[in-house]
Amino acid sequence: MSPKKMAAVAAVAAMLLAGTACSAAKQNPGQAANAAGPARNGGTLVVAQAFDPDPSSFLKTAIGNIATEYAVFETLTLIDPQTAEPKGVLATSWDLAPDGKSMTVKLRDDVTFHSGRKLTAADVIFTLDKVKDPAVGAANQKIAAQITSAQAKGDDQVELTFAKPLPNIFDLFETMPILNKDSYADYAAGKKVDGTGRFEWKSWTPGGKIELAKYAKYRDAGNTHLDAIEINVIKDPTALGSAVRSGRAQYALGLPPVDARSLGAQQGFALVKSGGAAIDLGLNVTKPPFDNKSVRQAVQYAIDRGRIVQQVEGGNGEASSVPWRTSTIGYDATVAGHYKYDQAKAKQLLAEAGVAPGTAFDVAMGDQPESQAIFQIVKNNLAAVGLNAKPVVLAIPDYEQKLATRSFATTAVLMQASNGASPATAMVSRPELSASNNVTKFKSAEYSTLAQAVMTASSKADKEKALHDFDAYFVDQAFAVPLVTRPSNSVRSTSLNNIQPTQMGFLNLSQAWLSD
């Protein structure tokens, strides 16, 4: 890539990522990437996680795939959490046109799928077409939809044309594992999941176990240290913690945040922080009582966000009325604190709106401890002002499918969204922020205009103004109720080394290793 074009790419990346905190760079002392001494080869890493995987949804960045996605698959690029710049994985270079409306991506010529077939540009185009299909529910479908043309130039080059400059193109690349076009139809059954990563998918027992094995023909197999990765699904939080405490597992994903912080502080263990999450309550504005803005605002005042931060997150988070990290360009602490805990105000608004005491509604949520603990506080808070929130708990794959397709039958949805993307990407990737097909059914011309301004702002001043204007409208309309933002926490044994969190909050275990 020429220096001039490299600078253009770096500028795009900087524009995309300037507002995103590099949480991986803020790890605690026990979270160093490597123990003293050289990497040790061999052994099986045992992971315990609370979530069922979903091999049909690798393009959705499903939480159940957090430990497998970057071990089995690879993306064109990954954003370096330390520098906020894209680094090539399957791509060796990416040349951006001066007008920002086209890009030439060159691929490595030494990559094979685990089935033995060589990766080609046709696989990249196939994957992109899948991401663009709304029915797939891919995380960054709206970004991909702005790619008007993808053409193969031989086997190792793809020419992309954009409808407009895409400053968030590297967010798309990061969440787009490249699929085998010839075997993709077999992925959903979990028997043949064919990627290009350091580990092969060997077997999957739904609700039980995933087994991965080192791919001996990987182009750089000498730097794959583990022989195998075994992932056990343990939904009970007590049993999940016991698995890593006893040494049966070296890594635990999905522990309740308070438990994770407690265990991570003990000798022999360390807390791993990655990406981040924003937890929101989405209110369906087409269904009573939330078709009334005053009722939605009453819910905002009724919820004790500080209690959620302390009791559920162990103090490791921020109570907020906006869905952004505090480091985001344009973040305004005054707006973020707009809805203070005020049950008297909530009762007043509900009475003025004529809402009958005991009015009931259903809230959908995923089957995981954190969501249910948060819901219990929300339920109690709302009951105190006369609203009856009733839980509808869904298996994680079912919940994520409904979230991706916006097909909930409930009046409200408790969501946990990745908070690793810039606001520009969040406007198209987060279901409670999207201006079109919003999970809350909210839509307005003004909201669309404000969201578009956030997506296209380039200078720091423009970003600050766009987000300020957006937040003012978002807070007033109150169709989504931000509760907390927090980093994602997991716990490792100190015998596990070189976990590499991604910018978007996933975990790359492909070059991890075990010490004695």
Protein backbone atom coordinates (compact mmCIF):
# COMPACT_ATOMS: atom_id res chain seq x y z
CA MET A 1 0.00 0.00 0.00
CA SER A 2 1.37 3.43 -0.86
CA PRO A 3 2.22 5.82 2.03
CA LYS A 4 -0.45 8.22 0.83
CA LYS A 5 -3.12 5.56 0.76
CA MET A 6 -1.95 4.11 4.03
CA ALA A 7 -2.43 7.53 5.57
CA ALA A 8 -5.93 7.69 4.14
CA VAL A 9 -6.76 4.34 5.66
CA ALA A 10 -5.31 5.37 9.00
CA ALA A 11 -7.42 8.52 8.91
CA VAL A 12 -10.55 6.49 8.29
CA ALA A 13 -9.68 4.18 11.16
CA ALA A 14 -8.98 7.10 13.46
CA MET A 15 -12.27 8.71 12.53
CA LEU A 16 -14.05 5.47 13.29
CA LEU A 17 -12.37 4.69 16.57
CA ALA A 18 -11.45 7.95 18.21
CA GLY A 19 -14.41 7.73 20.56
CA THR A 20 -13.84 4.15 21.63
CA ALA A 21 -11.97 3.30 24.81
CA CYS A 22 -9.28 0.69 24.51
CA SER A 23 -10.39 -1.36 27.47
CA ALA A 24 -7.90 -4.08 26.77
CA ALA A 25 -5.17 -1.57 27.55
CA LYS A 26 -6.67 -0.97 30.99
CA GLN A 27 -6.21 -4.47 32.34
CA ASN A 28 -5.38 -5.09 35.99
CA PRO A 29 -1.88 -6.27 36.92
CA GLY A 30 -2.98 -9.89 37.05
CA GLN A 31 -4.07 -9.73 33.45
CA ALA A 32 -0.71 -9.50 31.73
CA ALA A 33 -0.69 -11.17 28.34
CA ASN A 34 2.10 -13.61 29.18
CA ALA A 35 3.68 -15.22 32.20
CA ALA A 36 7.44 -15.02 32.60
CA GLY A 37 9.36 -17.18 30.18
CA PRO A 38 8.64 -18.46 26.66
CA ALA A 39 5.27 -19.80 25.52
CA ARG A 40 4.73 -23.45 26.39
CA ASN A 41 3.37 -25.79 23.73
CA GLY A 42 0.79 -28.50 24.28
CA GLY A 43 -2.18 -29.13 26.52
CA THR A 44 -5.93 -28.64 26.33
CA LEU A 45 -7.51 -25.40 27.44
CA VAL A 46 -10.81 -26.04 29.21
CA VAL A 47 -13.30 -23.18 29.10
CA ALA A 48 -16.52 -23.04 31.09
CA GLN A 49 -19.18 -20.68 29.75
CA ALA A 50 -22.76 -19.89 30.67
CA PHE A 51 -24.09 -19.58 27.13
CA ASP A 52 -25.06 -22.07 24.46
CA PRO A 53 -23.13 -21.61 21.22
CA ASP A 54 -24.95 -21.10 17.93
CA PRO A 55 -22.91 -22.30 14.93
CA SER A 56 -25.49 -20.84 12.56
CA SER A 57 -24.86 -17.30 13.82
CA PHE A 58 -21.16 -16.51 13.51
CA LEU A 59 -22.07 -13.40 11.52
CA LYS A 60 -24.22 -12.12 14.39
CA THR A 61 -21.37 -12.02 16.93
CA ALA A 62 -23.57 -14.15 19.19
CA ILE A 63 -22.47 -14.25 22.83
CA GLY A 64 -22.41 -18.06 22.84
CA ASN A 65 -19.69 -17.97 20.18
CA ILE A 66 -17.42 -15.59 22.09
CA ALA A 67 -14.71 -18.22 22.72
CA THR A 68 -14.86 -20.03 19.38
CA GLU A 69 -15.33 -17.38 16.70
CA TYR A 70 -11.76 -16.13 16.45
CA ALA A 71 -10.24 -19.55 17.10
CA VAL A 72 -12.09 -21.27 14.24
CA PHE A 73 -12.56 -18.32 11.86
CA GLU A 74 -10.59 -15.33 10.68
CA THR A 75 -11.56 -11.89 9.48
CA LEU A 76 -10.03 -9.62 6.85
CA THR A 77 -8.69 -7.29 9.54
CA LEU A 78 -8.77 -6.80 13.29
CA ILE A 79 -8.57 -3.45 15.04
CA ASP A 80 -5.59 -3.24 17.38
CA PRO A 81 -7.02 -2.27 20.81
CA GLN A 82 -3.76 -0.52 21.68
CA THR A 83 -3.41 1.66 18.58
CA ALA A 84 -7.02 1.69 17.26
CA GLU A 85 -5.63 0.90 13.80
CA PRO A 86 -6.61 -2.02 11.55
CA LYS A 87 -4.18 -4.93 11.23
CA GLY A 88 -4.32 -7.46 8.44
CA VAL A 89 -5.40 -11.03 9.13
CA LEU A 90 -6.64 -12.53 5.87
CA ALA A 91 -6.03 -9.23 4.08
CA THR A 92 -2.49 -8.13 3.31
CA SER A 93 -3.44 -4.63 2.18
CA TRP A 94 -6.43 -2.37 1.65
CA ASP A 95 -6.14 0.60 -0.69
CA LEU A 96 -8.78 3.28 -0.16
CA ALA A 97 -9.59 5.60 -3.05
CA PRO A 98 -9.00 9.35 -2.47
CA ASP A 99 -12.76 9.99 -2.46
CA GLY A 100 -13.30 7.24 0.13
CA LYS A 101 -15.87 5.48 -2.07
CA SER A 102 -13.97 2.38 -3.14
CA MET A 103 -11.36 0.02 -1.74
CA THR A 104 -9.11 -2.71 -3.11
CA VAL A 105 -8.51 -5.55 -0.66
CA LYS A 106 -5.68 -8.00 -1.34
CA LEU A 107 -5.77 -11.42 0.31
CA ARG A 108 -3.08 -13.72 1.57
CA ASP A 109 -2.30 -16.49 -0.91
CA ASP A 110 -1.43 -19.14 1.69
CA VAL A 111 -4.76 -19.64 3.45
CA THR A 112 -6.78 -22.85 3.44
CA PHE A 113 -10.02 -23.84 5.06
CA HIS A 114 -9.88 -26.79 7.44
CA SER A 115 -11.43 -28.91 4.68
CA GLY A 116 -8.28 -28.26 2.64
CA ARG A 117 -9.72 -25.92 0.02
CA LYS A 118 -7.85 -22.69 -0.63
CA LEU A 119 -9.48 -19.40 0.39
CA THR A 120 -10.37 -17.21 -2.59
CA ALA A 121 -11.94 -13.84 -3.25
CA ALA A 122 -15.19 -15.69 -4.02
CA ASP A 123 -15.45 -16.69 -0.34
CA VAL A 124 -15.10 -13.06 0.75
CA ILE A 125 -17.82 -11.97 -1.68
CA PHE A 126 -20.06 -14.85 -0.56
CA THR A 127 -19.63 -13.81 3.08
CA LEU A 128 -20.32 -10.18 2.26
CA ASP A 129 -23.52 -11.16 0.45
CA LYS A 130 -24.64 -13.10 3.53
CA VAL A 131 -23.93 -10.12 5.78
CA LYS A 132 -25.93 -7.85 3.46
CA ASP A 133 -28.98 -10.15 3.61
CA PRO A 134 -31.33 -8.78 6.32
CA ALA A 135 -32.69 -12.29 6.92
CA VAL A 136 -29.29 -13.39 8.26
CA GLY A 137 -29.35 -10.77 11.03
CA ALA A 138 -25.63 -9.99 10.80
CA ALA A 139 -24.26 -7.50 13.32
CA ASN A 140 -23.26 -4.80 10.80
CA GLN A 141 -25.70 -5.49 7.99
CA LYS A 142 -26.42 -1.79 7.56
CA ILE A 143 -22.76 -1.03 6.90
CA ALA A 144 -22.49 -3.88 4.41
CA ALA A 145 -25.61 -2.64 2.64
CA GLN A 146 -23.64 0.48 1.65
CA ILE A 147 -21.27 -1.68 -0.42
CA THR A 148 -22.85 -1.44 -3.85
CA SER A 149 -20.42 -3.74 -5.64
CA ALA A 150 -17.90 -6.46 -4.76
CA GLN A 151 -15.88 -7.87 -7.64
CA ALA A 152 -13.19 -10.54 -7.63
CA LYS A 153 -10.01 -9.68 -9.48
CA GLY A 154 -8.43 -13.10 -9.62
CA ASP A 155 -8.38 -15.32 -6.54
CA ASP A 156 -6.64 -12.91 -4.20
CA GLN A 157 -8.14 -9.46 -4.76
CA VAL A 158 -11.57 -7.93 -4.09
CA GLU A 159 -12.71 -4.57 -5.44
CA LEU A 160 -15.32 -2.90 -3.20
CA THR A 161 -17.44 0.09 -4.22
CA PHE A 162 -19.35 2.12 -1.62
CA ALA A 163 -22.50 4.20 -1.97
CA LYS A 164 -20.78 6.79 0.23
CA PRO A 165 -17.54 6.94 2.24
CA LEU A 166 -17.62 4.31 5.00
CA PRO A 167 -15.51 5.47 7.96
CA ASN A 168 -16.71 2.39 9.87
CA ILE A 169 -15.67 -0.20 7.27
CA PHE A 170 -13.19 -1.78 9.69
CA ASP A 171 -15.99 -2.37 12.21
CA LEU A 172 -17.64 -4.42 9.48
CA PHE A 173 -14.46 -6.36 8.70
CA GLU A 174 -13.93 -7.12 12.40
CA THR A 175 -17.38 -8.71 12.73
CA MET A 176 -17.31 -10.58 9.41
CA PRO A 177 -15.60 -13.98 9.77
CA ILE A 178 -14.96 -15.33 6.30
CA LEU A 179 -17.11 -18.36 5.49
CA ASN A 180 -16.53 -21.30 3.16
CA LYS A 181 -19.02 -20.73 0.36
CA ASP A 182 -19.12 -24.45 -0.42
CA SER A 183 -20.00 -25.69 3.07
CA TYR A 184 -21.81 -22.80 4.75
CA ALA A 185 -25.13 -24.64 4.51
CA ASP A 186 -23.74 -27.25 6.91
CA TYR A 187 -22.73 -24.81 9.65
CA ALA A 188 -26.08 -24.64 11.46
CA ALA A 189 -26.06 -28.34 12.37
CA GLY A 190 -22.70 -27.82 14.06
CA LYS A 191 -21.13 -30.88 12.46
CA LYS A 192 -19.15 -29.20 9.70
CA VAL A 193 -18.04 -25.70 10.67
CA ASP A 194 -15.27 -24.94 8.21
CA GLY A 195 -13.08 -21.92 8.97
CA THR A 196 -9.50 -20.85 8.31
CA GLY A 197 -8.38 -20.27 11.91
CA ARG A 198 -5.80 -22.00 14.07
CA PHE A 199 -8.36 -24.47 15.45
CA GLU A 200 -10.70 -26.91 13.74
CA TRP A 201 -14.25 -27.45 14.92
CA LYS A 202 -14.34 -31.16 15.81
CA SER A 203 -17.65 -31.68 17.59
CA TRP A 204 -20.57 -30.00 19.29
CA THR A 205 -23.08 -31.39 21.76
CA PRO A 206 -25.90 -28.83 22.09
CA GLY A 207 -26.16 -27.63 25.66
CA GLY A 208 -23.02 -29.56 26.54
CA LYS A 209 -19.63 -29.27 24.93
CA ILE A 210 -17.64 -27.99 21.95
CA GLU A 211 -14.33 -29.58 21.02
CA LEU A 212 -11.72 -27.76 18.94
CA ALA A 213 -8.38 -29.20 17.81
CA LYS A 214 -5.23 -27.54 16.53
CA TYR A 215 -5.24 -27.20 12.73
CA ALA A 216 -1.93 -28.82 11.83
CA LYS A 217 -1.86 -27.29 8.32
CA TYR A 218 -2.35 -23.71 9.44
CA ARG A 219 0.08 -21.41 7.66
CA ASP A 220 1.79 -20.53 10.95
CA ALA A 221 1.05 -23.67 12.97
CA GLY A 222 4.27 -23.41 14.97
CA ASN A 223 2.79 -20.42 16.81
CA THR A 224 -0.36 -22.30 17.78
CA HIS A 225 0.55 -23.47 21.26
CA LEU A 226 -2.46 -25.42 22.49
CA ASP A 227 -3.32 -28.89 21.22
CA ALA A 228 -7.03 -28.42 21.81
CA ILE A 229 -9.74 -26.22 23.32
CA GLU A 230 -12.71 -27.74 25.10
CA ILE A 231 -15.69 -25.51 25.89
CA ASN A 232 -18.24 -26.72 28.43
CA VAL A 233 -21.65 -25.07 28.79
CA ILE A 234 -22.47 -24.62 32.50
CA LYS A 235 -25.51 -22.42 32.99
CA ASP A 236 -25.69 -22.55 36.77
CA PRO A 237 -23.53 -19.65 38.06
CA THR A 238 -22.44 -21.50 41.20
CA ALA A 239 -21.31 -24.53 39.21
CA LEU A 240 -19.63 -22.24 36.68
CA GLY A 241 -17.55 -20.59 39.38
CA SER A 242 -16.74 -23.94 40.96
CA ALA A 243 -15.40 -25.27 37.65
CA VAL A 244 -12.65 -22.66 37.50
CA ARG A 245 -11.99 -22.57 41.26
CA SER A 246 -11.42 -26.32 41.34
CA GLY A 247 -9.09 -26.26 38.35
CA ARG A 248 -11.43 -28.31 36.12
CA ALA A 249 -11.47 -25.27 33.83
CA GLN A 250 -8.85 -22.57 33.31
CA TYR A 251 -11.25 -19.93 32.02
CA ALA A 252 -14.82 -18.89 32.94
CA LEU A 253 -17.13 -16.82 30.74
CA GLY A 254 -20.53 -15.55 31.88
CA LEU A 255 -20.05 -15.40 35.63
CA PRO A 256 -22.25 -12.81 37.36
CA PRO A 257 -20.16 -9.62 37.43
CA VAL A 258 -19.92 -9.51 41.23
CA ASP A 259 -18.70 -13.13 41.29
CA ALA A 260 -16.21 -12.45 38.49
CA ARG A 261 -14.68 -9.51 40.33
CA SER A 262 -14.48 -11.44 43.57
CA LEU A 263 -12.86 -14.51 42.03
CA GLY A 264 -10.54 -12.44 39.84
CA ALA A 265 -9.09 -10.78 42.94
CA GLN A 266 -8.13 -14.10 44.54
CA GLN A 267 -4.66 -15.61 44.35
CA GLY A 268 -4.20 -17.81 41.31
CA PHE A 269 -6.85 -16.01 39.25
CA ALA A 270 -7.12 -12.80 37.24
CA LEU A 271 -9.95 -10.69 35.90
CA VAL A 272 -10.00 -10.24 32.12
CA LYS A 273 -11.64 -7.07 30.80
CA SER A 274 -12.67 -6.90 27.17
CA GLY A 275 -14.80 -4.70 24.96
CA GLY A 276 -17.80 -3.57 26.90
CA ALA A 277 -21.56 -3.74 27.03
CA ALA A 278 -24.44 -1.32 27.23
CA ILE A 279 -27.52 -2.75 28.91
CA ASP A 280 -30.84 -1.21 27.90
CA LEU A 281 -34.55 -1.76 28.30
CA GLY A 282 -36.33 -1.31 24.98
CA LEU A 283 -40.00 -0.24 25.14
CA ASN A 284 -42.33 -1.08 22.26
CA VAL A 285 -43.84 2.30 21.40
CA THR A 286 -46.69 0.74 19.41
CA LYS A 287 -48.16 -1.04 22.45
CA PRO A 288 -49.81 0.49 25.51
CA PRO A 289 -48.74 1.84 27.88
CA PHE A 290 -45.47 2.72 26.10
CA ASP A 291 -47.16 4.43 23.17
CA ASN A 292 -47.25 7.39 25.57
CA LYS A 293 -43.97 9.28 25.90
CA SER A 294 -44.76 10.36 29.46
CA VAL A 295 -45.06 6.71 30.51
CA ARG A 296 -41.70 5.94 28.92
CA GLN A 297 -40.15 8.87 30.79
CA ALA A 298 -41.75 7.61 34.01
CA VAL A 299 -39.93 4.29 33.57
CA GLN A 300 -36.66 6.19 33.19
CA TYR A 301 -37.19 7.99 36.52
CA ALA A 302 -38.42 4.85 38.30
CA ILE A 303 -35.27 2.74 37.88
CA ASP A 304 -32.44 2.87 40.40
CA ARG A 305 -29.48 2.53 38.04
CA GLY A 306 -26.98 3.05 40.84
CA ARG A 307 -28.32 -0.02 42.61
CA ILE A 308 -27.81 -2.07 39.44
CA VAL A 309 -24.21 -0.88 39.22
CA GLN A 310 -23.49 -1.78 42.82
CA GLN A 311 -25.49 -4.97 43.36
CA VAL A 312 -25.22 -6.61 39.94
CA GLU A 313 -22.02 -5.14 38.49
CA GLY A 314 -20.08 -4.93 41.75
CA GLY A 315 -19.45 -1.24 41.21
CA ASN A 316 -17.79 -1.96 37.85
CA GLY A 317 -19.90 0.15 35.53
CA GLU A 318 -21.54 3.49 34.90
CA ALA A 319 -25.19 4.39 35.52
CA SER A 320 -26.28 6.43 32.52
CA SER A 321 -29.22 7.82 30.58
CA VAL A 322 -27.23 7.53 27.34
CA PRO A 323 -25.78 4.37 25.78
CA TRP A 324 -22.14 5.48 25.45
CA ARG A 325 -18.88 5.01 27.28
CA THR A 326 -17.68 8.06 29.17
CA SER A 327 -14.68 8.30 26.79
CA THR A 328 -16.85 8.69 23.69
CA ILE A 329 -16.29 11.90 21.74
CA GLY A 330 -19.29 14.10 22.49
CA TYR A 331 -20.24 12.34 25.74
CA ASP A 332 -22.00 14.82 28.03
CA ALA A 333 -22.13 13.90 31.72
CA THR A 334 -25.07 16.24 32.28
CA VAL A 335 -27.19 14.52 29.64
CA ALA A 336 -25.99 11.12 30.86
CA GLY A 337 -27.38 11.98 34.30
CA HIS A 338 -30.67 13.38 33.02
CA TYR A 339 -32.93 10.70 34.53
CA LYS A 340 -32.07 10.62 38.20
CA TYR A 341 -33.77 8.05 40.42
CA ASP A 342 -37.01 9.78 41.36
CA GLN A 343 -39.98 7.54 42.07
CA ALA A 344 -42.19 10.48 43.07
CA LYS A 345 -41.66 11.99 39.61
CA ALA A 346 -42.37 8.60 38.01
CA LYS A 347 -45.66 8.25 39.91
CA GLN A 348 -46.67 11.79 38.94
CA LEU A 349 -46.07 11.12 35.23
CA LEU A 350 -47.97 7.82 35.37
CA ALA A 351 -50.92 9.45 37.12
CA GLU A 352 -51.01 12.31 34.59
CA ALA A 353 -50.98 9.73 31.79
CA GLY A 354 -53.92 7.87 33.35
CA VAL A 355 -52.06 4.58 33.77
CA ALA A 356 -53.95 2.25 36.08
CA PRO A 357 -52.01 0.84 39.05
CA GLY A 358 -50.93 -2.74 38.39
CA THR A 359 -50.69 -2.30 34.60
CA ALA A 360 -48.78 -5.37 33.41
CA PHE A 361 -46.44 -5.99 30.50
CA ASP A 362 -43.99 -8.69 29.42
CA VAL A 363 -40.23 -8.22 29.26
CA ALA A 364 -38.14 -10.59 27.13
CA MET A 365 -34.57 -11.37 28.13
CA GLY A 366 -31.85 -13.92 27.51
CA ASP A 367 -31.34 -16.82 29.87
CA GLN A 368 -28.24 -15.60 31.67
CA PRO A 369 -27.63 -14.57 35.29
CA GLU A 370 -26.75 -10.91 34.73
CA SER A 371 -29.88 -10.12 32.73
CA GLN A 372 -32.12 -11.81 35.25
CA ALA A 373 -30.46 -10.06 38.20
CA ILE A 374 -30.88 -6.68 36.50
CA PHE A 375 -34.48 -7.48 35.65
CA GLN A 376 -35.26 -8.26 39.28
CA ILE A 377 -34.17 -4.76 40.33
CA VAL A 378 -36.08 -3.21 37.43
CA LYS A 379 -39.17 -5.23 38.30
CA ASN A 380 -39.06 -4.16 41.95
CA ASN A 381 -38.51 -0.51 41.03
CA LEU A 382 -41.43 -0.52 38.61
CA ALA A 383 -43.69 -2.34 41.04
CA ALA A 384 -43.08 0.48 43.52
CA VAL A 385 -44.63 2.96 41.06
CA GLY A 386 -47.52 0.70 40.02
CA LEU A 387 -46.21 -1.16 36.96
CA ASN A 388 -46.06 -4.97 36.79
CA ALA A 389 -43.14 -6.20 34.65
CA LYS A 390 -43.41 -9.93 33.93
CA PRO A 391 -40.33 -11.89 32.76
CA VAL A 392 -40.21 -13.91 29.56
CA VAL A 393 -36.88 -15.77 29.68
CA LEU A 394 -35.63 -17.14 26.36
CA ALA A 395 -32.76 -19.48 25.52
CA ILE A 396 -29.83 -17.40 24.27
CA PRO A 397 -29.96 -18.58 20.61
CA ASP A 398 -33.73 -17.94 20.46
CA TYR A 399 -33.35 -14.55 22.12
CA GLU A 400 -30.56 -13.49 19.78
CA GLN A 401 -32.52 -14.60 16.73
CA LYS A 402 -35.52 -12.54 17.81
CA LEU A 403 -33.29 -9.58 18.55
CA ALA A 404 -31.63 -9.80 15.14
CA THR A 405 -34.98 -10.06 13.33
CA ARG A 406 -36.85 -7.64 15.64
CA SER A 407 -39.54 -10.30 16.13
CA PHE A 408 -40.35 -10.08 19.85
CA ALA A 409 -44.00 -10.41 20.79
CA THR A 410 -43.35 -8.78 24.16
CA THR A 411 -43.91 -5.14 25.10
CA ALA A 412 -40.34 -4.68 26.32
CA VAL A 413 -36.90 -6.24 25.79
CA LEU A 414 -33.91 -6.24 28.10
CA MET A 415 -30.86 -6.00 25.84
CA GLN A 416 -27.12 -6.33 26.22
CA ALA A 417 -25.38 -4.68 23.28
CA SER A 418 -21.71 -4.49 22.43
CA ASN A 419 -20.31 -1.14 23.44
CA GLY A 420 -17.06 -1.50 21.53
CA ALA A 421 -18.18 0.23 18.35
CA SER A 422 -18.19 3.93 17.61
CA PRO A 423 -21.53 5.79 17.70
CA ALA A 424 -21.43 5.83 13.89
CA THR A 425 -21.49 2.04 13.80
CA ALA A 426 -23.84 1.74 16.77
CA MET A 427 -26.47 3.65 14.80
CA VAL A 428 -26.73 0.77 12.36
CA SER A 429 -25.67 -2.23 14.45
CA ARG A 430 -27.53 -1.79 17.72
CA PRO A 431 -31.21 -2.75 17.50
CA GLU A 432 -32.36 -0.13 20.01
CA LEU A 433 -30.59 2.72 18.17
CA SER A 434 -31.28 1.93 14.51
CA ALA A 435 -33.35 4.56 12.72
CA SER A 436 -34.99 1.86 10.60
CA ASN A 437 -36.50 -1.34 11.98
CA ASN A 438 -35.77 -0.35 15.57
CA VAL A 439 -36.55 -3.12 18.07
CA THR A 440 -38.78 -0.65 19.95
CA LYS A 441 -40.69 0.19 16.73
CA PHE A 442 -39.80 3.86 17.24
CA LYS A 443 -39.28 5.92 14.10
CA SER A 444 -39.40 9.57 13.10
CA ALA A 445 -37.93 11.74 10.39
CA GLU A 446 -36.12 13.85 12.99
CA TYR A 447 -34.54 10.79 14.58
CA SER A 448 -33.37 9.54 11.18
CA THR A 449 -31.76 12.91 10.44
CA LEU A 450 -29.99 13.03 13.78
CA ALA A 451 -28.73 9.45 13.45
CA GLN A 452 -27.47 10.19 9.95
CA ALA A 453 -25.52 13.18 11.26
CA VAL A 454 -23.78 10.94 13.81
CA MET A 455 -22.90 8.44 11.08
CA THR A 456 -21.38 11.01 8.74
CA ALA A 457 -19.61 13.37 11.16
CA SER A 458 -15.86 13.39 10.53
CA SER A 459 -14.17 16.17 12.53
CA LYS A 460 -14.06 16.12 16.32
CA ALA A 461 -16.24 19.22 16.51
CA ASP A 462 -18.81 17.71 14.14
CA LYS A 463 -18.87 14.48 16.15
CA GLU A 464 -19.41 16.36 19.39
CA LYS A 465 -22.28 18.41 17.98
CA ALA A 466 -23.91 15.44 16.24
CA LEU A 467 -23.86 13.29 19.36
CA HIS A 468 -25.06 16.13 21.57
CA ASP A 469 -28.05 16.77 19.30
CA PHE A 470 -28.79 13.06 19.02
CA ASP A 471 -28.60 12.47 22.77
CA ALA A 472 -30.95 15.35 23.58
CA TYR A 473 -33.65 13.87 21.33
CA PHE A 474 -32.94 10.28 22.37
CA VAL A 475 -33.26 11.10 26.07
CA ASP A 476 -36.48 13.04 25.56
CA GLN A 477 -38.22 10.36 23.48
CA ALA A 478 -37.21 7.65 26.00
CA PHE A 479 -38.06 4.66 23.79
CA ALA A 480 -34.89 2.92 24.96
CA VAL A 481 -33.93 3.02 28.62
CA PRO A 482 -30.14 2.84 29.08
CA LEU A 483 -29.36 1.25 32.42
CA VAL A 484 -25.60 0.75 32.70
CA THR A 485 -22.48 0.59 30.58
CA ARG A 486 -19.67 -1.69 31.72
CA PRO A 487 -16.63 -3.62 30.50
CA SER A 488 -17.07 -7.33 29.85
CA ASN A 489 -15.47 -9.39 32.61
CA SER A 490 -14.28 -12.98 32.56
CA VAL A 491 -11.94 -14.89 34.87
CA ARG A 492 -8.84 -16.87 34.00
CA SER A 493 -6.52 -19.04 36.00
CA THR A 494 -3.07 -17.48 36.07
CA SER A 495 -1.86 -20.61 34.27
CA LEU A 496 -3.68 -19.36 31.16
CA ASN A 497 -1.71 -16.82 29.13
CA ASN A 498 -2.06 -14.64 26.06
CA ILE A 499 -5.81 -14.11 25.82
CA GLN A 500 -6.27 -11.40 23.21
CA PRO A 501 -9.50 -9.38 23.60
CA THR A 502 -10.79 -7.84 20.40
CA GLN A 503 -11.93 -4.25 20.05
CA MET A 504 -15.54 -5.44 19.86
CA GLY A 505 -15.29 -7.45 23.06
CA PHE A 506 -14.77 -10.96 21.72
CA LEU A 507 -11.89 -13.14 22.87
CA ASN A 508 -9.15 -14.48 20.66
CA LEU A 509 -7.80 -17.68 22.24
CA SER A 510 -5.98 -18.85 19.13
CA GLN A 511 -2.48 -18.19 20.49
CA ALA A 512 -3.18 -18.77 24.17
CA TRP A 513 -0.95 -21.14 26.12
CA LEU A 514 -0.86 -22.91 29.47
CA SER A 515 1.96 -22.64 31.96
CA ASP A 516 2.73 -25.18 34.67
